[in-house]
Amino acid sequence: MSKKIVALILILCSCIMFGRPGYAVAIEQDSGAEESERAEVDRLSGLTKFETAKIISEYYCSGKAKNVILSTGNDFADALSASVLAHEKEAPILLVDYAVENSKDAFDFCTEHLDKSGTVYIIGGTGIIGEEFEAKLSELGFTKVIRIAGLDRYDTSYQIACSLNKVMSTVVITSGEQYADALSISSFAANKGWPILLSPHGELPQEIKTFLQEKKPLQVYIAGGAGVISDNVKSEIESVLPQASIQRLMGETRFDTNVAIAETFAPNPSTIYLATGYGFADALAGSIVAAKSGNPIIFIDPSVPTLPRSTASYFAKLYANIQNPRLVSFGGSGVVKDEIIKSSRDLIWGAARETSIYSIDDISAAVTQKEEYSLPTTLQARLYNSEVIEVPVQWNPNFVDTGKIGLLIYEGIVDGYSKNIKLNFTVKEPVSIPIAQYTTYFDAAHLNRTENLRLAAKALDGKLLAPGERFSFNESVGERTVQAGYKEAMVIVGDAFVPGLGGGVCQVSSTLYNAVTLANLQIIERHPHSLPVDYVPPGHDATVSYPILDLKFRNNRKVPILIRSIVAENTLTFQLYEKSEK
C-alpha cells in the first residue's frame, strides 16, 4: 500500500483583510491505508478560547455571514441552548469576554464576515453580556441586534425555544447546572431543530412546563442520568405529556453519557469532533459545525493520553463497521493532545484494539547492598480504553545480584507490547547504625558560643580512626585562635566564669567524650571542669584547654571508627560508626 503523507493545510478565511488567519491543519499520518481510504484529521484552535471560537466560525463560514451569535465564554449556562438557534439561522457562535476590550476576536469576525444588514443575536441578559457590547456593534455599523434573555438560565432556554420557527415534535431536556450533557446532544438537536430546554435537578421550571403543554411534542429526550435530571422531573414531563415517548440517554459518567448519545444518533458518523470534556467553550463554538451534518462531538479527558472506556468502545465499533470518519479537534494541543488524536485514529483505523496495551511505564527500584530482592513478575499496563491492568513481564537478565553497589538496567518484555520496559535498579551502600550516639543542648541565642561550638564540631566531622589509632581532641580541632574564627565567650577559669576565646568548645569535647564511653573505647586522657556544667550530668564532662588539657582516647576495636558530628538548631550530636574494610 501507498505510504504517502497527507499534509493538508486549509486556509479557512478567504475574506480576511487583516489580522491572523485561522487554520485547520491535518496531522501527519503514517497508516498503511491508501490515501483515498484515510480519515482526515484537522485541528481548529487559537491561542485563547475566544480566538478558537473565531477560527471555528471561519471554518464554518469563510465568506459573508447573514447572522452571528454572541455568547459568553465565561459562563456556559445561558448559551447551552444556543446551538439550535445557531443552526436555524446559519449563524456561527462567537464567544465574548466580560469586557468589550477583551473580545476583539468576536468583533473582528463581525467586521470581516458579517453582512452590514445581518443580525447579531446576543444570548443572555446584560448581567452576562453588558450593554456596552450593543454600543460597540452599533459603532461598527451593525444595527440589527436581538438580545434573547430570560430571568435566569432556564427562562433563557425557554426564550430561545420560543424564537425557533420549526415544528417541534421533539424536545430535549437537560441540566442547566452542568454543561456536558447539553453539549453532547447539541449537534444532533441543532441539526434536527429540537429545542434544548434546561432544568434544575429536582423540579421542572414552570415556563418549561408551559412550553411543553403548548407544543405537545411526541418525543422527549432527557440527556443525563438521575443525578443531573431527577426521576421527579421525568415524572413531571410524563404528567404534562402523557402521549409522548420519553427516553433518557445516560451513562455513569459524562463520557459514558456522551457516547450513549453519539451511538443513538450517529452510529455511522462521517466526521467525529473531539473536544475536552472538562470545558464548555470549544464544544459550544464547535456545535454549529457539528450540527451542519449531524455529527457527534466526542469528549476526551485531557489529563490522560488514552480514551475513556466507552469512547474507545465506540471508536472500535466504527472500525468493525468499516467506518472511516474524519477527525476534527476543537481546541489546541493543551486540551486535545496529539496523543489523544493518535489514540482515536489508531482505534478507528484498526491499528489498535480498545484492549490493546497503550503504554507501560519504566520502573525503578532501590535496595541496600546484599539485601534480598525479587524481580517483579507483573507490571501495570494502561490500555487504549484507559483501563490499567497487571500484565506478566520477562526480564533480561532474569537474576538479581545485590552484591555490587551501583545502577543496573534490566529490560522487560511484555507480550503484545512492542517496546521494552526498563527497570532502573540501584544497589546502595548499606545504611550504618551508629555504635554510639550522644546529644547535648545549647542556647543558640549566645551567638559567639554557638559559633565556637560549630567550628570545633565541624573540625571533627568525618574523622576516621584506624584500629589501634590514638585520638587527640586538641590535635584534631587545633588551637582556638581569632585567625581560626573563634570568638570570645564565657569559659571556666578556676572558680569563676570569665570571657575567653573559644568558650563553648568544652561542650564539644564533653559530648564526644560521652559518645566514646558509650562505645567502650579506651580513654587515655580526660579532665573534669573545676565548676559544674549544665549540658552533661555531673562527672560526665571533659574539659579541654589548648595545649595543656586534652581529651584523648584509642580505637581499641578491630575495625575503623568514623566520627560524625551534627549541629542542629540547638543540639549537638556525635555519632560513632564502625566502617567495614573493603
Protein backbone atom coordinates (compact mmCIF):
# COMPACT_ATOMS: atom_id res chain seq x y z
CA MET A 1 0.00 0.00 0.00
CA SER A 2 0.96 3.62 -0.51
CA LYS A 3 2.69 5.35 2.38
CA LYS A 4 2.12 8.91 1.29
CA ILE A 5 1.79 11.54 3.99
CA VAL A 6 -1.29 13.65 3.99
CA ALA A 7 -0.34 17.20 4.87
CA LEU A 8 -3.39 19.30 4.16
CA ILE A 9 -3.22 22.96 5.16
CA LEU A 10 -6.54 24.64 4.54
CA ILE A 11 -6.67 28.44 4.68
CA LEU A 12 -10.12 28.92 6.09
CA CYS A 13 -10.83 32.60 5.93
CA SER A 14 -10.91 33.62 2.29
CA CYS A 15 -12.28 37.09 3.04
CA ILE A 16 -9.88 38.14 5.82
CA MET A 17 -8.44 41.56 5.03
CA PHE A 18 -6.21 41.89 8.08
CA GLY A 19 -5.24 40.01 11.25
CA ARG A 20 -4.01 36.45 11.65
CA PRO A 21 -5.79 33.79 9.56
CA GLY A 22 -7.22 30.64 11.13
CA TYR A 23 -6.08 27.23 10.04
CA ALA A 24 -7.27 23.66 10.02
CA VAL A 25 -4.09 21.59 9.84
CA ALA A 26 -4.05 17.90 9.06
CA ILE A 27 -1.92 15.89 11.45
CA GLU A 28 0.70 13.77 9.74
CA GLN A 29 -0.46 10.21 9.17
CA ASP A 30 1.59 7.10 8.77
CA SER A 31 -1.08 4.47 8.29
CA GLY A 32 -0.55 1.88 5.63
CA ALA A 33 -4.01 2.55 4.17
CA GLU A 34 -4.40 4.01 0.71
CA GLU A 35 -4.69 7.80 0.66
CA SER A 36 -8.30 7.68 -0.50
CA GLU A 37 -9.20 5.43 2.45
CA ARG A 38 -7.63 7.55 5.17
CA ALA A 39 -9.54 9.77 7.54
CA GLU A 40 -8.56 13.42 7.54
CA VAL A 41 -7.51 14.89 10.86
CA ASP A 42 -7.89 18.63 11.43
CA ARG A 43 -7.27 20.85 14.42
CA LEU A 44 -9.25 24.05 14.85
CA SER A 45 -7.58 26.13 17.53
CA GLY A 46 -6.33 29.51 18.61
CA LEU A 47 -4.22 30.85 21.44
CA THR A 48 -7.34 31.50 23.57
CA LYS A 49 -10.86 30.11 23.71
CA PHE A 50 -12.07 33.35 22.11
CA GLU A 51 -9.67 33.03 19.19
CA THR A 52 -10.54 29.33 18.89
CA ALA A 53 -14.24 30.28 18.57
CA LYS A 54 -13.33 32.78 15.83
CA ILE A 55 -11.30 30.18 13.93
CA ILE A 56 -14.12 27.63 14.24
CA SER A 57 -16.54 30.29 12.98
CA GLU A 58 -14.29 30.99 9.98
CA TYR A 59 -14.18 27.26 9.29
CA TYR A 60 -17.98 27.26 9.32
CA CYS A 61 -18.30 30.45 7.28
CA SER A 62 -15.31 31.67 5.30
CA GLY A 63 -17.35 34.18 3.32
CA LYS A 64 -20.13 36.53 4.34
CA ALA A 65 -22.49 35.59 7.18
CA LYS A 66 -26.09 36.78 7.47
CA ASN A 67 -26.24 36.20 11.21
CA VAL A 68 -23.94 35.61 14.16
CA ILE A 69 -24.48 34.66 17.77
CA LEU A 70 -22.59 36.23 20.65
CA SER A 71 -22.32 34.11 23.77
CA THR A 72 -20.24 34.49 26.88
CA GLY A 73 -17.07 32.43 27.02
CA ASN A 74 -17.03 32.56 30.81
CA ASP A 75 -20.36 31.10 31.97
CA PHE A 76 -21.85 28.25 29.98
CA ALA A 77 -25.45 28.19 31.20
CA ASP A 78 -27.17 30.81 29.02
CA ALA A 79 -25.54 29.54 25.86
CA LEU A 80 -26.31 25.82 26.21
CA SER A 81 -29.45 26.11 24.10
CA ALA A 82 -27.90 28.42 21.51
CA SER A 83 -26.68 25.76 19.09
CA VAL A 84 -30.23 25.04 17.87
CA LEU A 85 -30.84 28.70 17.11
CA ALA A 86 -27.39 28.97 15.52
CA HIS A 87 -28.13 26.13 13.10
CA GLU A 88 -31.51 27.55 12.17
CA LYS A 89 -30.04 30.99 11.50
CA GLU A 90 -26.83 29.60 9.94
CA ALA A 91 -25.05 31.75 12.48
CA PRO A 92 -21.56 30.95 13.81
CA ILE A 93 -21.21 31.14 17.60
CA LEU A 94 -18.68 33.70 18.80
CA LEU A 95 -17.50 33.92 22.39
CA VAL A 96 -17.01 37.18 24.24
CA ASP A 97 -15.25 38.04 27.48
CA TYR A 98 -16.57 40.18 30.33
CA ALA A 99 -15.43 43.41 28.66
CA VAL A 100 -15.58 44.74 25.09
CA GLU A 101 -11.85 45.42 25.01
CA ASN A 102 -11.14 41.74 25.73
CA SER A 103 -13.49 40.49 22.99
CA LYS A 104 -11.55 41.58 19.93
CA ASP A 105 -11.79 38.18 18.19
CA ALA A 106 -15.59 38.27 18.14
CA PHE A 107 -15.75 41.84 16.85
CA ASP A 108 -13.05 41.13 14.25
CA PHE A 109 -15.17 38.29 12.87
CA CYS A 110 -18.19 40.57 12.66
CA THR A 111 -16.17 43.25 10.87
CA GLU A 112 -14.65 40.79 8.42
CA HIS A 113 -17.59 38.45 7.77
CA LEU A 114 -20.96 39.75 8.93
CA ASP A 115 -23.08 41.48 6.32
CA LYS A 116 -23.95 45.02 7.46
CA SER A 117 -27.62 44.12 7.12
CA GLY A 118 -27.08 40.93 9.15
CA THR A 119 -28.36 40.23 12.64
CA VAL A 120 -26.39 39.73 15.81
CA TYR A 121 -28.12 37.54 18.41
CA ILE A 122 -26.87 38.17 21.94
CA ILE A 123 -27.60 35.26 24.27
CA GLY A 124 -28.14 36.22 27.90
CA GLY A 125 -29.01 39.31 29.87
CA THR A 126 -26.96 42.44 30.44
CA GLY A 127 -25.51 40.93 33.59
CA ILE A 128 -23.80 38.36 31.36
CA ILE A 129 -23.09 40.41 28.23
CA GLY A 130 -23.30 44.11 29.05
CA GLU A 131 -24.98 46.90 27.10
CA GLU A 132 -21.59 48.19 26.00
CA PHE A 133 -21.45 45.27 23.57
CA GLU A 134 -24.55 46.57 21.80
CA ALA A 135 -22.96 50.02 21.72
CA LYS A 136 -19.80 48.56 20.16
CA LEU A 137 -21.81 46.73 17.50
CA SER A 138 -23.63 49.95 16.67
CA GLU A 139 -20.30 51.74 16.40
CA LEU A 140 -19.16 49.09 13.92
CA GLY A 141 -22.29 49.69 11.79
CA PHE A 142 -24.44 46.73 12.84
CA THR A 143 -27.94 47.93 13.66
CA LYS A 144 -29.83 44.64 13.85
CA VAL A 145 -29.14 43.32 17.32
CA ILE A 146 -31.54 40.94 19.07
CA ARG A 147 -30.96 40.01 22.69
CA ILE A 148 -32.52 36.75 23.84
CA ALA A 149 -32.60 36.60 27.61
CA GLY A 150 -34.77 35.38 30.43
CA LEU A 151 -34.91 35.92 34.14
CA ASP A 152 -32.49 33.02 34.59
CA ARG A 153 -30.78 30.30 32.56
CA TYR A 154 -33.97 28.20 32.43
CA ASP A 155 -36.06 31.10 31.23
CA THR A 156 -33.37 31.93 28.66
CA SER A 157 -33.60 28.39 27.25
CA TYR A 158 -37.37 28.85 27.08
CA GLN A 159 -36.99 32.19 25.25
CA ILE A 160 -34.60 30.60 22.73
CA ALA A 161 -37.01 27.72 22.14
CA CYS A 162 -39.86 30.17 21.57
CA SER A 163 -37.78 32.00 18.95
CA LEU A 164 -37.37 28.88 16.79
CA ASN A 165 -39.51 28.57 13.69
CA LYS A 166 -39.60 24.81 13.15
CA VAL A 167 -42.44 22.48 14.12
CA MET A 168 -41.38 20.89 17.39
CA SER A 169 -42.27 17.24 17.51
CA THR A 170 -39.22 16.51 19.64
CA VAL A 171 -37.57 18.38 22.51
CA VAL A 172 -34.51 17.81 24.67
CA ILE A 173 -34.47 18.30 28.44
CA THR A 174 -31.05 18.60 30.05
CA SER A 175 -29.30 20.05 33.06
CA GLY A 176 -28.83 23.78 33.44
CA GLU A 177 -26.30 23.15 36.21
CA GLN A 178 -23.81 21.04 34.24
CA TYR A 179 -22.78 21.69 30.66
CA ALA A 180 -21.55 18.30 29.46
CA ASP A 181 -24.81 16.53 28.63
CA ALA A 182 -26.32 19.53 26.81
CA LEU A 183 -23.24 19.85 24.62
CA SER A 184 -23.21 16.10 23.96
CA ILE A 185 -26.61 16.34 22.33
CA SER A 186 -26.26 19.88 20.94
CA SER A 187 -25.18 18.97 17.41
CA PHE A 188 -27.99 16.43 16.96
CA ALA A 189 -30.66 18.68 18.45
CA ALA A 190 -29.49 21.59 16.33
CA ASN A 191 -29.41 19.51 13.16
CA LYS A 192 -33.00 18.35 13.75
CA GLY A 193 -34.30 21.64 15.13
CA TRP A 194 -35.11 20.19 18.54
CA PRO A 195 -35.12 22.87 21.24
CA ILE A 196 -32.84 22.26 24.23
CA LEU A 197 -34.68 23.13 27.43
CA LEU A 198 -32.79 23.46 30.67
CA SER A 199 -33.99 22.20 34.02
CA PRO A 200 -32.59 22.12 37.53
CA HIS A 201 -32.08 18.73 39.11
CA GLY A 202 -35.23 18.38 41.18
CA GLU A 203 -38.14 20.23 39.59
CA LEU A 204 -39.18 21.32 36.11
CA PRO A 205 -39.47 25.14 35.82
CA GLN A 206 -42.98 26.44 35.21
CA GLU A 207 -42.10 28.12 31.91
CA ILE A 208 -40.76 24.81 30.59
CA LYS A 209 -43.97 23.05 31.65
CA THR A 210 -45.95 25.72 29.83
CA PHE A 211 -43.84 25.28 26.69
CA LEU A 212 -44.38 21.51 26.70
CA GLN A 213 -48.14 21.93 27.21
CA GLU A 214 -48.34 24.36 24.30
CA LYS A 215 -46.13 22.49 21.81
CA LYS A 216 -47.16 18.95 22.79
CA PRO A 217 -44.04 17.20 21.42
CA LEU A 218 -44.39 13.49 20.81
CA GLN A 219 -40.78 12.67 21.72
CA VAL A 220 -38.76 13.92 24.69
CA TYR A 221 -35.10 13.07 25.20
CA ILE A 222 -33.65 13.56 28.66
CA ALA A 223 -29.90 13.99 28.35
CA GLY A 224 -28.24 12.77 31.53
CA GLY A 225 -28.89 10.41 34.39
CA ALA A 226 -30.97 10.86 37.51
CA GLY A 227 -28.01 12.51 39.18
CA VAL A 228 -28.45 15.59 36.96
CA ILE A 229 -32.13 15.36 35.94
CA SER A 230 -34.09 13.59 38.67
CA ASP A 231 -36.80 11.00 38.19
CA ASN A 232 -39.18 13.55 39.67
CA VAL A 233 -38.55 15.80 36.66
CA LYS A 234 -39.17 12.83 34.39
CA SER A 235 -42.45 12.19 36.18
CA GLU A 236 -43.47 15.82 35.72
CA ILE A 237 -42.80 15.53 31.99
CA GLU A 238 -44.89 12.35 31.82
CA SER A 239 -47.70 14.16 33.60
CA VAL A 240 -47.59 17.12 31.22
CA LEU A 241 -47.14 14.93 28.10
CA PRO A 242 -48.96 11.64 28.71
CA GLN A 243 -48.96 10.87 25.00
CA ALA A 244 -45.20 11.44 24.49
CA SER A 245 -42.39 8.91 24.33
CA ILE A 246 -39.79 9.85 26.93
CA GLN A 247 -36.29 8.42 26.59
CA ARG A 248 -33.41 9.02 28.97
CA LEU A 249 -29.94 8.97 27.40
CA MET A 250 -27.38 8.40 30.12
CA GLY A 251 -24.22 6.75 31.36
CA GLU A 252 -22.32 6.53 34.61
CA THR A 253 -20.02 9.43 33.70
CA ARG A 254 -20.17 12.44 31.39
CA PHE A 255 -18.07 10.45 28.93
CA ASP A 256 -20.46 7.48 29.05
CA THR A 257 -23.48 9.76 28.52
CA ASN A 258 -21.64 11.46 25.68
CA VAL A 259 -21.09 8.14 23.91
CA ALA A 260 -24.61 6.87 24.64
CA ILE A 261 -25.95 9.96 22.85
CA ALA A 262 -23.50 9.55 19.96
CA GLU A 263 -24.36 5.87 19.48
CA THR A 264 -28.07 6.73 19.49
CA PHE A 265 -27.91 9.45 16.85
CA ALA A 266 -24.64 8.81 14.99
CA PRO A 267 -23.80 5.10 14.75
CA ASN A 268 -22.08 5.79 11.40
CA PRO A 269 -20.70 9.35 11.50
CA SER A 270 -18.85 10.91 8.61
CA THR A 271 -16.91 13.19 10.97
CA ILE A 272 -16.04 13.00 14.65
CA TYR A 273 -15.35 16.23 16.52
CA LEU A 274 -13.10 15.92 19.55
CA ALA A 275 -13.33 18.37 22.45
CA THR A 276 -12.36 18.41 26.10
CA GLY A 277 -14.97 17.05 28.47
CA TYR A 278 -13.87 19.46 31.17
CA GLY A 279 -14.55 22.80 29.49
CA PHE A 280 -17.55 24.10 27.56
CA ALA A 281 -16.15 26.87 25.34
CA ASP A 282 -14.65 24.89 22.44
CA ALA A 283 -17.55 22.43 22.19
CA LEU A 284 -20.09 25.26 22.30
CA ALA A 285 -18.41 27.17 19.48
CA GLY A 286 -17.96 23.92 17.55
CA SER A 287 -21.54 22.73 17.96
CA ILE A 288 -22.65 24.75 14.92
CA VAL A 289 -20.03 22.98 12.78
CA ALA A 290 -21.02 19.53 14.04
CA ALA A 291 -24.71 20.37 13.58
CA LYS A 292 -24.26 21.04 9.88
CA SER A 293 -24.20 17.31 9.13
CA GLY A 294 -25.49 16.00 12.47
CA ASN A 295 -22.19 14.52 13.58
CA PRO A 296 -21.11 13.91 17.18
CA ILE A 297 -18.90 15.94 19.48
CA ILE A 298 -16.93 13.35 21.43
CA PHE A 299 -15.43 14.31 24.79
CA ILE A 300 -11.93 13.40 25.80
CA ASP A 301 -10.09 13.64 29.10
CA PRO A 302 -7.09 15.95 28.58
CA SER A 303 -5.31 14.59 31.67
CA VAL A 304 -4.51 11.23 30.03
CA PRO A 305 -3.27 10.24 26.56
CA THR A 306 -5.84 7.47 26.21
CA LEU A 307 -9.62 7.44 25.84
CA PRO A 308 -12.49 6.82 28.25
CA ARG A 309 -13.64 3.21 28.11
CA SER A 310 -16.97 3.95 26.42
CA THR A 311 -15.29 6.24 23.88
CA ALA A 312 -12.71 3.62 22.96
CA SER A 313 -15.51 1.09 22.50
CA TYR A 314 -17.42 3.49 20.23
CA PHE A 315 -14.36 4.04 18.06
CA ALA A 316 -13.65 0.30 17.90
CA LYS A 317 -17.22 -0.30 16.67
CA LEU A 318 -16.68 2.21 13.88
CA TYR A 319 -13.71 0.19 12.66
CA ALA A 320 -15.69 -3.04 12.95
CA ASN A 321 -18.46 -1.46 10.85
CA ILE A 322 -15.89 -0.37 8.25
CA GLN A 323 -16.44 3.32 9.01
CA ASN A 324 -13.68 5.80 8.30
CA PRO A 325 -14.79 9.12 9.74
CA ARG A 326 -12.78 12.29 9.54
CA LEU A 327 -11.40 13.62 12.84
CA VAL A 328 -11.58 17.28 13.80
CA SER A 329 -10.28 18.67 17.07
CA PHE A 330 -11.87 21.70 18.68
CA GLY A 331 -9.04 23.33 20.64
CA GLY A 332 -5.27 23.18 20.72
CA SER A 333 -2.91 20.50 21.96
CA GLY A 334 -3.32 21.78 25.51
CA VAL A 335 -6.91 20.50 25.60
CA VAL A 336 -6.89 17.80 22.90
CA LYS A 337 -3.40 16.34 22.95
CA ASP A 338 -1.75 14.91 19.86
CA GLU A 339 -1.51 11.59 21.72
CA ILE A 340 -5.30 11.51 22.11
CA ILE A 341 -5.82 12.18 18.43
CA LYS A 342 -3.40 9.38 17.60
CA SER A 343 -5.16 7.00 20.02
CA SER A 344 -8.51 7.86 18.39
CA ARG A 345 -7.06 7.37 14.93
CA ASP A 346 -5.50 4.01 15.84
CA LEU A 347 -8.82 2.66 17.12
CA ILE A 348 -10.89 3.96 14.23
CA TRP A 349 -8.43 2.62 11.65
CA GLY A 350 -7.88 -0.70 13.42
CA ALA A 351 -4.22 -0.10 14.20
CA ALA A 352 -5.09 -0.98 17.82
CA ARG A 353 -7.92 -2.56 19.75
CA GLU A 354 -9.58 -0.93 22.72
CA THR A 355 -7.93 -3.55 24.97
CA SER A 356 -4.52 -3.21 23.34
CA ILE A 357 -1.71 -2.01 25.58
CA TYR A 358 -1.10 1.69 25.07
CA SER A 359 1.79 2.19 27.47
CA ILE A 360 3.81 0.64 30.26
CA ASP A 361 5.94 2.96 32.32
CA ASP A 362 9.54 2.23 33.12
CA ILE A 363 10.02 1.44 36.80
CA SER A 364 12.72 1.93 39.42
CA ALA A 365 13.78 0.03 42.50
CA ALA A 366 16.46 0.55 45.12
CA VAL A 367 17.88 -1.83 47.72
CA THR A 368 20.85 -1.84 50.03
CA GLN A 369 23.86 -3.99 49.30
CA LYS A 370 23.27 -7.72 49.84
CA GLU A 371 19.58 -7.16 50.54
CA GLU A 372 17.28 -9.77 49.01
CA TYR A 373 15.23 -8.61 46.03
CA SER A 374 12.97 -10.39 43.55
CA LEU A 375 12.24 -9.01 40.12
CA PRO A 376 8.54 -8.10 39.70
CA THR A 377 6.57 -10.73 37.81
CA THR A 378 3.90 -8.28 36.62
CA LEU A 379 3.69 -4.63 35.61
CA GLN A 380 0.84 -2.15 35.33
CA ALA A 381 -0.19 -1.51 31.73
CA ARG A 382 -2.50 1.25 30.50
CA LEU A 383 -4.85 0.14 27.74
CA TYR A 384 -6.27 2.25 24.92
CA ASN A 385 -9.54 2.42 26.86
CA SER A 386 -7.70 3.88 29.87
CA GLU A 387 -8.05 0.76 31.99
CA VAL A 388 -4.98 -0.22 33.99
CA ILE A 389 -4.27 -3.94 34.31
CA GLU A 390 -1.46 -6.19 35.54
CA VAL A 391 0.48 -7.97 32.79
CA PRO A 392 3.24 -10.64 33.05
CA VAL A 393 6.78 -9.49 32.29
CA GLN A 394 10.03 -11.31 31.47
CA TRP A 395 13.33 -9.67 32.43
CA ASN A 396 16.79 -9.81 30.94
CA PRO A 397 18.84 -10.72 32.86
CA ASN A 398 16.42 -12.77 34.94
CA PHE A 399 18.50 -12.89 38.12
CA VAL A 400 19.39 -10.23 40.68
CA ASP A 401 22.83 -9.56 42.14
CA THR A 402 22.78 -7.09 45.02
CA GLY A 403 26.38 -7.63 45.96
CA LYS A 404 27.76 -4.77 43.88
CA ILE A 405 26.89 -1.14 44.57
CA GLY A 406 25.68 0.88 41.57
CA LEU A 407 22.98 1.17 38.92
CA LEU A 408 21.83 -1.84 36.91
CA ILE A 409 19.44 -1.70 33.94
CA TYR A 410 17.04 -4.61 33.37
CA GLU A 411 14.99 -4.84 30.17
CA GLY A 412 11.48 -6.28 30.35
CA ILE A 413 9.37 -7.82 27.61
CA VAL A 414 5.56 -7.99 27.69
CA ASP A 415 3.58 -9.99 25.13
CA GLY A 416 1.53 -7.73 22.89
CA TYR A 417 3.65 -4.66 23.59
CA SER A 418 6.31 -3.64 21.09
CA LYS A 419 8.54 -1.58 23.40
CA ASN A 420 10.98 -2.82 26.00
CA ILE A 421 10.41 -1.71 29.58
CA LYS A 422 13.32 -0.61 31.73
CA LEU A 423 13.87 -1.37 35.38
CA ASN A 424 16.40 1.07 36.81
CA PHE A 425 17.78 -0.96 39.70
CA THR A 426 20.01 0.79 42.23
CA VAL A 427 22.09 -1.05 44.83
CA LYS A 428 23.02 1.37 47.62
CA GLU A 429 25.63 1.21 50.29
CA PRO A 430 24.10 -0.16 53.48
CA VAL A 431 22.97 2.49 55.94
CA SER A 432 25.09 2.09 59.04
CA ILE A 433 23.70 2.16 62.56
CA PRO A 434 25.94 4.05 64.95
CA ILE A 435 27.58 2.01 67.67
CA ALA A 436 27.17 5.04 69.94
CA GLN A 437 25.37 8.37 69.90
CA TYR A 438 25.15 11.23 72.37
CA THR A 439 23.34 14.61 72.22
CA THR A 440 23.64 17.79 74.29
CA TYR A 441 21.72 21.06 74.09
CA PHE A 442 22.85 24.70 73.88
CA ASP A 443 21.30 28.16 73.76
CA ALA A 444 21.59 29.36 70.17
CA ALA A 445 20.93 32.93 71.31
CA HIS A 446 24.53 33.03 72.59
CA LEU A 447 25.91 33.68 69.13
CA ASN A 448 29.65 33.69 69.87
CA ARG A 449 29.48 30.50 71.91
CA THR A 450 27.36 28.82 69.24
CA GLU A 451 29.85 29.76 66.52
CA ASN A 452 32.75 28.33 68.56
CA LEU A 453 30.81 25.13 69.09
CA ARG A 454 30.08 24.81 65.37
CA LEU A 455 33.70 25.37 64.39
CA ALA A 456 35.03 22.69 66.75
CA ALA A 457 32.32 20.18 65.82
CA LYS A 458 32.95 20.73 62.12
CA ALA A 459 36.66 20.01 62.58
CA LEU A 460 35.82 16.56 63.94
CA ASP A 461 33.09 15.58 61.48
CA GLY A 462 34.19 12.73 59.20
CA LYS A 463 37.37 11.87 61.06
CA LEU A 464 38.29 8.18 60.64
CA LEU A 465 40.32 6.29 63.24
CA ALA A 466 42.11 3.15 62.15
CA PRO A 467 42.17 0.17 64.51
CA GLY A 468 44.54 1.00 67.39
CA GLU A 469 44.84 4.67 66.38
CA ARG A 470 45.03 7.29 69.14
CA PHE A 471 42.76 10.35 69.02
CA SER A 472 43.65 13.79 70.41
CA PHE A 473 40.95 16.49 70.59
CA ASN A 474 43.46 19.35 70.59
CA GLU A 475 45.38 17.94 67.61
CA SER A 476 42.16 17.36 65.64
CA VAL A 477 40.48 20.69 66.41
CA GLY A 478 43.61 22.81 66.53
CA GLU A 479 44.38 25.91 68.53
CA ARG A 480 41.39 28.14 69.23
CA THR A 481 42.53 31.48 67.75
CA VAL A 482 40.95 34.56 66.22
CA GLN A 483 42.58 33.62 62.92
CA ALA A 484 40.80 30.26 63.06
CA GLY A 485 37.47 32.06 63.52
CA TYR A 486 36.94 31.56 67.24
CA LYS A 487 35.21 34.26 69.26
CA GLU A 488 35.11 35.37 72.86
CA ALA A 489 32.54 33.68 75.11
CA MET A 490 32.30 32.56 78.74
CA VAL A 491 34.88 29.98 79.90
CA ILE A 492 35.68 28.47 83.30
CA VAL A 493 38.88 29.67 84.89
CA GLY A 494 39.38 28.32 88.40
CA ASP A 495 36.22 29.00 90.35
CA ALA A 496 34.72 31.61 88.00
CA PHE A 497 33.12 32.07 84.60
CA VAL A 498 35.03 34.70 82.65
CA PRO A 499 35.16 35.82 78.99
CA GLY A 500 37.68 33.86 76.97
CA LEU A 501 38.48 32.91 73.39
CA GLY A 502 36.77 29.67 72.34
CA GLY A 503 34.10 29.48 75.03
CA GLY A 504 31.78 26.56 74.23
CA VAL A 505 34.42 24.20 72.86
CA CYS A 506 34.32 22.21 76.08
CA GLN A 507 30.71 21.23 75.31
CA VAL A 508 32.01 19.67 72.10
CA SER A 509 34.70 17.69 73.92
CA SER A 510 32.26 16.63 76.65
CA THR A 511 29.63 15.48 74.12
CA LEU A 512 32.25 13.48 72.23
CA TYR A 513 33.56 12.01 75.50
CA ASN A 514 30.11 10.62 76.35
CA ALA A 515 29.74 9.04 72.90
CA VAL A 516 33.20 7.49 73.24
CA THR A 517 32.42 5.99 76.66
CA LEU A 518 29.14 4.55 75.29
CA ALA A 519 31.20 2.86 72.54
CA ASN A 520 33.57 1.42 75.19
CA LEU A 521 36.62 2.94 73.53
CA GLN A 522 39.78 3.24 75.66
CA ILE A 523 40.01 6.65 77.38
CA ILE A 524 43.64 7.82 77.60
CA GLU A 525 43.18 11.35 78.94
CA ARG A 526 40.20 13.23 80.31
CA HIS A 527 39.86 16.21 82.68
CA PRO A 528 36.78 17.41 84.61
CA HIS A 529 35.79 21.07 84.87
CA SER A 530 36.54 22.97 88.09
CA LEU A 531 32.86 24.04 88.22
CA PRO A 532 29.69 22.10 87.34
CA VAL A 533 28.30 22.48 83.81
CA ASP A 534 24.65 22.11 82.82
CA TYR A 535 24.92 20.34 79.46
CA VAL A 536 26.03 16.91 80.80
CA PRO A 537 25.36 15.12 84.09
CA PRO A 538 27.92 15.56 86.92
CA GLY A 539 31.07 13.57 86.28
CA HIS A 540 30.39 13.22 82.55
CA ASP A 541 32.24 16.34 81.39
CA ALA A 542 35.61 16.60 79.66
CA THR A 543 37.27 20.00 79.62
CA VAL A 544 39.98 20.95 77.15
CA SER A 545 42.43 23.85 77.02
CA TYR A 546 44.95 24.06 74.22
CA PRO A 547 47.67 22.79 74.58
CA ILE A 548 47.55 21.74 78.25
CA LEU A 549 44.30 19.86 78.87
CA ASP A 550 43.23 17.35 76.23
CA LEU A 551 40.71 14.60 75.57
CA LYS A 552 42.45 11.51 74.26
CA PHE A 553 41.16 8.00 73.50
CA ARG A 554 42.17 4.99 71.44
CA ASN A 555 40.21 2.96 68.89
CA ASN A 556 40.57 -0.41 70.57
CA ARG A 557 38.28 -2.13 68.05
CA LYS A 558 39.36 -4.25 65.10
CA VAL A 559 37.66 -2.04 62.50
CA PRO A 560 37.95 1.69 61.68
CA ILE A 561 35.76 4.11 63.62
CA LEU A 562 34.09 7.05 61.84
CA ILE A 563 33.24 10.16 63.87
CA ARG A 564 30.22 12.20 62.71
CA SER A 565 29.10 15.48 64.29
CA ILE A 566 25.69 17.04 63.70
CA VAL A 567 24.86 20.58 64.80
CA ALA A 568 21.17 21.40 64.54
CA GLU A 569 19.24 24.46 65.72
CA ASN A 570 20.09 23.98 69.42
CA THR A 571 21.52 20.46 69.61
CA LEU A 572 24.97 18.92 69.21
CA THR A 573 25.18 15.21 68.43
CA PHE A 574 28.14 12.88 67.99
CA GLN A 575 27.72 9.51 66.29
CA LEU A 576 30.37 6.77 66.08
CA TYR A 577 30.24 4.19 63.30
CA GLU A 578 32.17 1.01 62.57
CA LYS A 579 33.40 1.04 58.99
CA SER A 580 33.97 -2.30 57.28
CA GLU A 581 37.21 -2.56 55.31
CA LYS A 582 36.68 -3.43 51.64
